[in-house]
Structure formats: structure tokens, C-alpha cells
Amino acid sequence: MARRPESQGDVQEKARTKTAKPPLFKVLLHNDDYTTMEFVVHVLESIFDKSPAEAHRVMMHVHNQGVGVCGTYTFEIAETKVDRVHEEAREAGYPLRATLEEE
């Protein structure tokens, strides 16, 4: 029977890999002179799941500042939300524009 060599006190450590968190992206709405405030509130409630009060607050920020943050998401989700904003705005006949920006 073969004997295993005795360990000399060496400790083997497992290499641990850290999983990096995916980068986050802000979805921004941009003010224009044609899209109604009511439609912007609708978009914020339906696409970004904002409460009526929060949707109104964000809409007013966009109206007064020219741009406002709707939410922060992973790239794929942010991109999908931007596409949904453009699709709903186009169907309603508005030029509402949304963009994404890395946080």
C-alpha cells in the first residue's frame, strides 16, 4: 500500500473570483415644446412604474430643467425602456425623446 506524503503544514487556498456588478444606466427624458404634460406623466407611470405624485414631480423637473432622470437600470433594461418611450410617443404623435447615460 502506497503512503501519502505527510503535509508540512501548507494550506491550500481556493482562488475566489469576484463577480463584478453590471454597470448601471440612467434613463433620461428630454423636454420638448409639443409633448403634453399629461402624456409624460402617463409614460412615467406606465413604463417606469412611478406613482402619480412621483410622475408629476419628475415631469415638472423635465419641464423646468429640460431633462430629468426616470430611473437607473442595467443596460438591457434601460435600452428597452428608452425603446418603449419612443414607441409610445410615436404612436401618440409626440416627439418625446429618451436617452440613456452611464451612471
C-alpha atoms as a PDB file:
ATOM      1  CA  MET A   1       0.000   0.000   0.000  1.00  0.00           C
ATOM      2  CA  ALA A   2       1.442   3.397  -1.002  1.00  0.00           C
ATOM      3  CA  ARG A   3       1.586   6.028   1.653  1.00  0.00           C
ATOM      4  CA  ARG A   4       0.652   9.616   1.001  1.00  0.00           C
ATOM      5  CA  PRO A   5       3.336  12.059   1.910  1.00  0.00           C
ATOM      6  CA  GLU A   6       2.646  13.932   5.124  1.00  0.00           C
ATOM      7  CA  SER A   7       1.585  17.536   4.766  1.00  0.00           C
ATOM      8  CA  GLN A   8       4.146  20.000   6.040  1.00  0.00           C
ATOM      9  CA  GLY A   9       1.544  22.463   7.279  1.00  0.00           C
ATOM     10  CA  ASP A  10       0.936  24.067   3.903  1.00  0.00           C
ATOM     11  CA  VAL A  11      -2.589  25.331   3.448  1.00  0.00           C
ATOM     12  CA  GLN A  12      -4.135  25.331   0.050  1.00  0.00           C
ATOM     13  CA  GLU A  13      -6.446  28.232  -0.639  1.00  0.00           C
ATOM     14  CA  LYS A  14      -9.154  28.330  -3.218  1.00  0.00           C
ATOM     15  CA  ALA A  15      -8.912  31.242  -5.578  1.00  0.00           C
ATOM     16  CA  ARG A  16     -12.071  33.299  -5.236  1.00  0.00           C
ATOM     17  CA  THR A  17     -13.349  35.244  -8.144  1.00  0.00           C
ATOM     18  CA  LYS A  18     -15.447  38.280  -7.505  1.00  0.00           C
ATOM     19  CA  THR A  19     -18.450  38.761  -9.702  1.00  0.00           C
ATOM     20  CA  ALA A  20     -18.492  42.304 -10.958  1.00  0.00           C
ATOM     21  CA  LYS A  21     -21.795  44.133 -10.772  1.00  0.00           C
ATOM     22  CA  PRO A  22     -23.054  45.239 -14.169  1.00  0.00           C
ATOM     23  CA  PRO A  23     -22.797  48.952 -14.875  1.00  0.00           C
ATOM     24  CA  LEU A  24     -25.974  50.963 -14.370  1.00  0.00           C
ATOM     25  CA  PHE A  25     -27.513  53.436 -16.770  1.00  0.00           C
ATOM     26  CA  LYS A  26     -29.806  56.392 -16.111  1.00  0.00           C
ATOM     27  CA  VAL A  27     -32.803  56.810 -18.404  1.00  0.00           C
ATOM     28  CA  LEU A  28     -33.345  60.496 -19.148  1.00  0.00           C
ATOM     29  CA  LEU A  29     -36.423  62.214 -20.568  1.00  0.00           C
ATOM     30  CA  HIS A  30     -35.911  65.402 -22.584  1.00  0.00           C
ATOM     31  CA  ASN A  31     -38.299  68.332 -22.703  1.00  0.00           C
ATOM     32  CA  ASP A  32     -39.831  69.457 -25.983  1.00  0.00           C
ATOM     33  CA  ASP A  33     -42.435  72.027 -26.972  1.00  0.00           C
ATOM     34  CA  TYR A  34     -45.042  69.547 -28.236  1.00  0.00           C
ATOM     35  CA  THR A  35     -45.436  66.581 -25.872  1.00  0.00           C
ATOM     36  CA  THR A  36     -48.176  67.219 -23.319  1.00  0.00           C
ATOM     37  CA  MET A  37     -47.510  67.071 -19.618  1.00  0.00           C
ATOM     38  CA  GLU A  38     -50.290  64.509 -19.280  1.00  0.00           C
ATOM     39  CA  PHE A  39     -48.590  62.193 -21.772  1.00  0.00           C
ATOM     40  CA  VAL A  40     -45.257  62.489 -19.951  1.00  0.00           C
ATOM     41  CA  VAL A  41     -46.980  61.591 -16.672  1.00  0.00           C
ATOM     42  CA  HIS A  42     -48.624  58.607 -18.424  1.00  0.00           C
ATOM     43  CA  VAL A  43     -45.219  57.418 -19.699  1.00  0.00           C
ATOM     44  CA  LEU A  44     -43.653  57.762 -16.258  1.00  0.00           C
ATOM     45  CA  GLU A  45     -46.473  55.807 -14.626  1.00  0.00           C
ATOM     46  CA  SER A  46     -46.809  53.070 -17.257  1.00  0.00           C
ATOM     47  CA  ILE A  47     -43.186  52.472 -18.300  1.00  0.00           C
ATOM     48  CA  PHE A  48     -41.271  53.498 -15.193  1.00  0.00           C
ATOM     49  CA  ASP A  49     -43.829  52.403 -12.555  1.00  0.00           C
ATOM     50  CA  LYS A  50     -43.914  55.815 -10.890  1.00  0.00           C
ATOM     51  CA  SER A  51     -46.723  56.774  -8.543  1.00  0.00           C
ATOM     52  CA  PRO A  52     -48.885  59.665  -9.767  1.00  0.00           C
ATOM     53  CA  ALA A  53     -47.158  62.059  -7.343  1.00  0.00           C
ATOM     54  CA  GLU A  54     -43.646  60.927  -8.337  1.00  0.00           C
ATOM     55  CA  ALA A  55     -44.546  61.006 -12.042  1.00  0.00           C
ATOM     56  CA  HIS A  56     -45.793  64.595 -11.666  1.00  0.00           C
ATOM     57  CA  ARG A  57     -42.627  65.600  -9.788  1.00  0.00           C
ATOM     58  CA  VAL A  58     -40.340  64.104 -12.482  1.00  0.00           C
ATOM     59  CA  MET A  59     -42.446  65.619 -15.270  1.00  0.00           C
ATOM     60  CA  MET A  60     -42.170  69.078 -13.688  1.00  0.00           C
ATOM     61  CA  HIS A  61     -38.409  68.625 -13.318  1.00  0.00           C
ATOM     62  CA  VAL A  62     -38.142  67.721 -17.018  1.00  0.00           C
ATOM     63  CA  HIS A  63     -40.363  70.682 -17.926  1.00  0.00           C
ATOM     64  CA  ASN A  64     -38.367  73.186 -15.845  1.00  0.00           C
ATOM     65  CA  GLN A  65     -34.824  71.844 -16.247  1.00  0.00           C
ATOM     66  CA  GLY A  66     -35.030  70.435 -19.786  1.00  0.00           C
ATOM     67  CA  VAL A  67     -34.085  66.893 -18.759  1.00  0.00           C
ATOM     68  CA  GLY A  68     -34.866  64.528 -15.903  1.00  0.00           C
ATOM     69  CA  VAL A  69     -33.958  61.066 -14.637  1.00  0.00           C
ATOM     70  CA  CYS A  70     -36.712  58.444 -14.852  1.00  0.00           C
ATOM     71  CA  GLY A  71     -34.752  55.610 -13.264  1.00  0.00           C
ATOM     72  CA  THR A  72     -31.492  53.677 -13.146  1.00  0.00           C
ATOM     73  CA  TYR A  73     -31.223  50.198 -14.658  1.00  0.00           C
ATOM     74  CA  THR A  74     -28.872  47.678 -16.205  1.00  0.00           C
ATOM     75  CA  PHE A  75     -28.105  48.403 -19.861  1.00  0.00           C
ATOM     76  CA  GLU A  76     -30.605  45.961 -21.363  1.00  0.00           C
ATOM     77  CA  ILE A  77     -33.488  47.178 -19.201  1.00  0.00           C
ATOM     78  CA  ALA A  78     -32.611  50.848 -19.762  1.00  0.00           C
ATOM     79  CA  GLU A  79     -32.405  50.303 -23.515  1.00  0.00           C
ATOM     80  CA  THR A  80     -35.784  48.556 -23.534  1.00  0.00           C
ATOM     81  CA  LYS A  81     -37.400  51.402 -21.579  1.00  0.00           C
ATOM     82  CA  VAL A  82     -35.967  54.006 -23.980  1.00  0.00           C
ATOM     83  CA  ASP A  83     -37.361  51.999 -26.918  1.00  0.00           C
ATOM     84  CA  ARG A  84     -40.790  51.766 -25.243  1.00  0.00           C
ATOM     85  CA  VAL A  85     -40.860  55.539 -24.637  1.00  0.00           C
ATOM     86  CA  HIS A  86     -40.065  56.217 -28.298  1.00  0.00           C
ATOM     87  CA  GLU A  87     -42.620  53.668 -29.500  1.00  0.00           C
ATOM     88  CA  GLU A  88     -45.463  55.016 -27.314  1.00  0.00           C
ATOM     89  CA  ALA A  89     -44.604  58.623 -28.182  1.00  0.00           C
ATOM     90  CA  ARG A  90     -44.509  57.854 -31.908  1.00  0.00           C
ATOM     91  CA  GLU A  91     -47.889  56.059 -31.713  1.00  0.00           C
ATOM     92  CA  ALA A  92     -49.369  59.053 -29.884  1.00  0.00           C
ATOM     93  CA  GLY A  93     -47.836  61.520 -32.352  1.00  0.00           C
ATOM     94  CA  TYR A  94     -45.367  63.137 -29.947  1.00  0.00           C
ATOM     95  CA  PRO A  95     -41.636  63.775 -30.397  1.00  0.00           C
ATOM     96  CA  LEU A  96     -40.786  62.811 -26.784  1.00  0.00           C
ATOM     97  CA  ARG A  97     -37.167  61.726 -26.563  1.00  0.00           C
ATOM     98  CA  ALA A  98     -35.462  59.493 -24.026  1.00  0.00           C
ATOM     99  CA  THR A  99     -31.767  58.668 -23.773  1.00  0.00           C
ATOM    100  CA  LEU A 100     -29.553  56.631 -21.510  1.00  0.00           C
ATOM    101  CA  GLU A 101     -26.365  57.647 -19.770  1.00  0.00           C
ATOM    102  CA  GLU A 102     -23.933  55.517 -17.802  1.00  0.00           C
ATOM    103  CA  GLU A 103     -24.082  56.285 -14.105  1.00  0.00           C
END
